[in-house]
């Protein structure tokens, strides 16, 4: 009895080399465009219609305290186990600040734009997050921070409830 037969497809060596060179060329072109901006299309930001400067600090009870940088007023308290999108976004931005040796100041800039977009910028590192791309539910967590309201406890399960 003979063993299982394996059909082999032989590709000409020139085809394999050509495919490899094509992949290398595409990778180099993408990297060059990304690093130099050549060939990149950028859409200009629409004007900001609402801007808020915010400070984020961890509390000893596991909450995330968000305060207005100008007035010092508490804007929101994200209790432990809630507000996962806010926590995740800020964790990424804080990691970049830590790498650069920057503390919790200067404030982050939350901007509502005329075209309905919402951006969070870190002037200390130059990083920016376009929040609306993560969907309306996630962006809504940051939208609530724009309102000049009394301190709010933010929950991912419901809009927001006033703190005691």
Protein backbone atom coordinates (compact mmCIF):
# COMPACT_ATOMS: atom_id res chain seq x y z
CA UNK A 1 0.00 0.00 0.00
CA UNK A 2 1.23 3.36 -0.79
CA UNK A 3 1.12 6.31 1.62
CA UNK A 4 -1.12 9.34 1.22
CA UNK A 5 -0.39 11.27 -1.91
CA UNK A 6 0.48 14.94 -1.51
CA UNK A 7 0.06 17.10 -4.54
CA UNK A 8 2.58 19.87 -4.67
CA UNK A 9 2.09 23.06 -6.59
CA UNK A 10 5.35 24.43 -7.81
CA UNK A 11 5.50 28.15 -8.42
CA UNK A 12 8.23 29.53 -10.60
CA UNK A 13 10.98 31.16 -8.58
CA UNK A 14 10.55 34.47 -10.45
CA UNK A 15 6.88 34.70 -9.34
CA UNK A 16 7.83 34.22 -5.68
CA UNK A 17 10.62 36.80 -5.89
CA UNK A 18 8.27 39.25 -7.65
CA UNK A 19 5.58 38.80 -4.98
CA UNK A 20 8.14 39.35 -2.22
CA UNK A 21 9.47 42.51 -3.87
CA UNK A 22 5.92 43.82 -4.34
CA UNK A 23 5.16 43.30 -0.63
CA UNK A 24 8.40 45.04 0.30
CA UNK A 25 7.64 47.99 -2.00
CA UNK A 26 4.11 48.42 -0.62
CA UNK A 27 5.39 48.28 2.97
CA UNK A 28 8.10 50.87 2.25
CA UNK A 29 5.62 53.18 0.48
CA UNK A 30 3.16 53.00 3.39
CA UNK A 31 5.92 53.65 5.95
CA UNK A 32 7.28 56.59 3.95
CA UNK A 33 3.81 58.13 3.64
CA UNK A 34 3.12 57.64 7.33
CA UNK A 35 6.43 59.13 8.46
CA UNK A 36 6.64 62.04 6.04
CA UNK A 37 2.97 62.81 5.40
CA UNK A 38 3.55 62.64 1.63
CA UNK A 39 0.38 61.40 -0.03
CA UNK A 40 -1.63 61.59 3.19
CA UNK A 41 -5.03 63.25 3.12
CA UNK A 42 -6.01 65.29 6.14
CA UNK A 43 -9.37 66.85 6.86
CA UNK A 44 -9.16 70.17 8.65
CA UNK A 45 -10.87 70.35 12.03
CA UNK A 46 -14.09 72.26 12.18
CA UNK A 47 -14.08 75.09 14.74
CA UNK A 48 -14.57 74.23 18.40
CA UNK A 49 -17.94 75.39 19.70
CA UNK A 50 -17.35 74.19 23.26
CA UNK A 51 -14.05 73.65 25.05
CA UNK A 52 -13.37 72.38 28.54
CA UNK A 53 -9.99 71.97 30.26
CA UNK A 54 -10.05 68.93 32.53
CA UNK A 55 -7.78 67.37 35.13
CA UNK A 56 -8.01 63.65 35.92
CA UNK A 57 -6.83 62.19 39.23
CA UNK A 58 -7.11 58.79 40.88
CA UNK A 59 -8.82 58.72 44.28
CA UNK A 60 -7.78 56.32 47.05
CA UNK A 61 -11.15 54.51 46.80
CA UNK A 62 -10.52 53.57 43.14
CA UNK A 63 -12.63 56.36 41.68
CA UNK A 64 -11.42 58.66 38.94
CA UNK A 65 -11.94 62.31 39.87
CA UNK A 66 -12.45 64.74 37.00
CA UNK A 67 -12.23 68.43 37.74
CA UNK A 68 -12.42 71.65 35.77
CA UNK A 69 -8.87 72.97 35.42
CA UNK A 70 -9.95 76.61 35.50
CA UNK A 71 -12.33 76.61 38.47
CA UNK A 72 -11.09 73.52 40.30
CA UNK A 73 -14.70 72.33 40.64
CA UNK A 74 -15.36 68.60 40.59
CA UNK A 75 -17.03 67.80 37.27
CA UNK A 76 -17.50 64.06 37.73
CA UNK A 77 -16.50 61.08 39.79
CA UNK A 78 -16.17 57.84 37.86
CA UNK A 79 -16.67 55.18 40.49
CA UNK A 80 -14.62 51.99 40.48
CA UNK A 81 -15.93 49.44 37.99
CA UNK A 82 -17.80 51.99 35.87
CA UNK A 83 -16.96 54.41 33.07
CA UNK A 84 -14.74 51.91 31.31
CA UNK A 85 -14.34 54.00 28.15
CA UNK A 86 -13.22 57.07 30.09
CA UNK A 87 -10.84 54.96 32.17
CA UNK A 88 -9.38 53.19 29.13
CA UNK A 89 -8.91 56.40 27.17
CA UNK A 90 -7.24 58.17 30.06
CA UNK A 91 -5.05 55.14 30.84
CA UNK A 92 -3.58 55.33 27.33
CA UNK A 93 -2.98 59.08 27.54
CA UNK A 94 -1.50 58.79 31.06
CA UNK A 95 0.88 56.06 29.89
CA UNK A 96 2.22 58.42 27.21
CA UNK A 97 2.68 61.17 29.80
CA UNK A 98 4.51 58.80 32.14
CA UNK A 99 6.91 57.81 29.34
CA UNK A 100 7.61 61.50 28.76
CA UNK A 101 8.05 62.25 32.48
CA UNK A 102 4.96 64.49 32.64
CA UNK A 103 2.61 64.57 35.63
CA UNK A 104 -1.16 65.09 35.75
CA UNK A 105 -0.87 68.70 34.63
CA UNK A 106 -1.30 70.46 32.22
CA UNK A 107 -4.99 69.89 31.69
CA UNK A 108 -6.48 67.82 28.91
CA UNK A 109 -8.62 69.72 26.41
CA UNK A 110 -12.07 68.34 25.57
CA UNK A 111 -13.52 70.04 22.49
CA UNK A 112 -16.96 69.80 20.92
CA UNK A 113 -16.72 70.79 17.27
CA UNK A 114 -19.21 72.47 14.93
CA UNK A 115 -19.52 69.29 12.85
CA UNK A 116 -20.58 67.25 15.91
CA UNK A 117 -17.21 65.62 16.50
CA UNK A 118 -15.69 65.41 19.98
CA UNK A 119 -11.94 65.41 20.56
CA UNK A 120 -9.76 64.96 23.62
CA UNK A 121 -6.29 66.45 23.30
CA UNK A 122 -3.24 66.27 25.51
CA UNK A 123 -1.24 69.45 24.90
CA UNK A 124 1.68 68.03 26.90
CA UNK A 125 2.30 65.13 24.52
CA UNK A 126 0.49 66.25 21.37
CA UNK A 127 -1.73 63.15 21.43
CA UNK A 128 -5.33 63.44 20.33
CA UNK A 129 -8.30 61.09 20.47
CA UNK A 130 -11.30 61.53 18.16
CA UNK A 131 -13.93 60.19 20.54
CA UNK A 132 -16.87 59.86 18.16
CA UNK A 133 -15.14 57.07 16.23
CA UNK A 134 -15.73 54.78 19.21
CA UNK A 135 -19.51 55.08 18.82
CA UNK A 136 -22.18 57.27 20.37
CA UNK A 137 -22.44 55.32 23.63
CA UNK A 138 -18.74 55.66 24.40
CA UNK A 139 -18.55 59.28 23.24
CA UNK A 140 -21.55 60.09 25.47
CA UNK A 141 -19.38 59.40 28.53
CA UNK A 142 -17.24 62.38 27.53
CA UNK A 143 -20.16 64.51 26.29
CA UNK A 144 -21.48 64.60 29.87
CA UNK A 145 -18.17 66.16 30.95
CA UNK A 146 -18.82 69.18 28.71
CA UNK A 147 -21.89 70.34 30.66
CA UNK A 148 -21.20 72.91 33.37
CA UNK A 149 -23.24 70.97 35.92
CA UNK A 150 -22.77 70.03 39.56
CA UNK A 151 -20.49 67.10 40.27
CA UNK A 152 -21.78 63.98 38.57
CA UNK A 153 -21.17 60.32 39.22
CA UNK A 154 -20.65 58.73 35.81
CA UNK A 155 -21.96 55.26 35.09
CA UNK A 156 -21.72 53.23 31.91
CA UNK A 157 -25.14 51.70 32.63
CA UNK A 158 -27.13 54.91 32.81
CA UNK A 159 -26.63 58.54 31.82
CA UNK A 160 -25.53 60.04 35.15
CA UNK A 161 -26.83 60.53 38.64
CA UNK A 162 -25.98 63.32 41.06
CA UNK A 163 -23.56 62.46 43.82
CA UNK A 164 -24.68 62.60 47.42
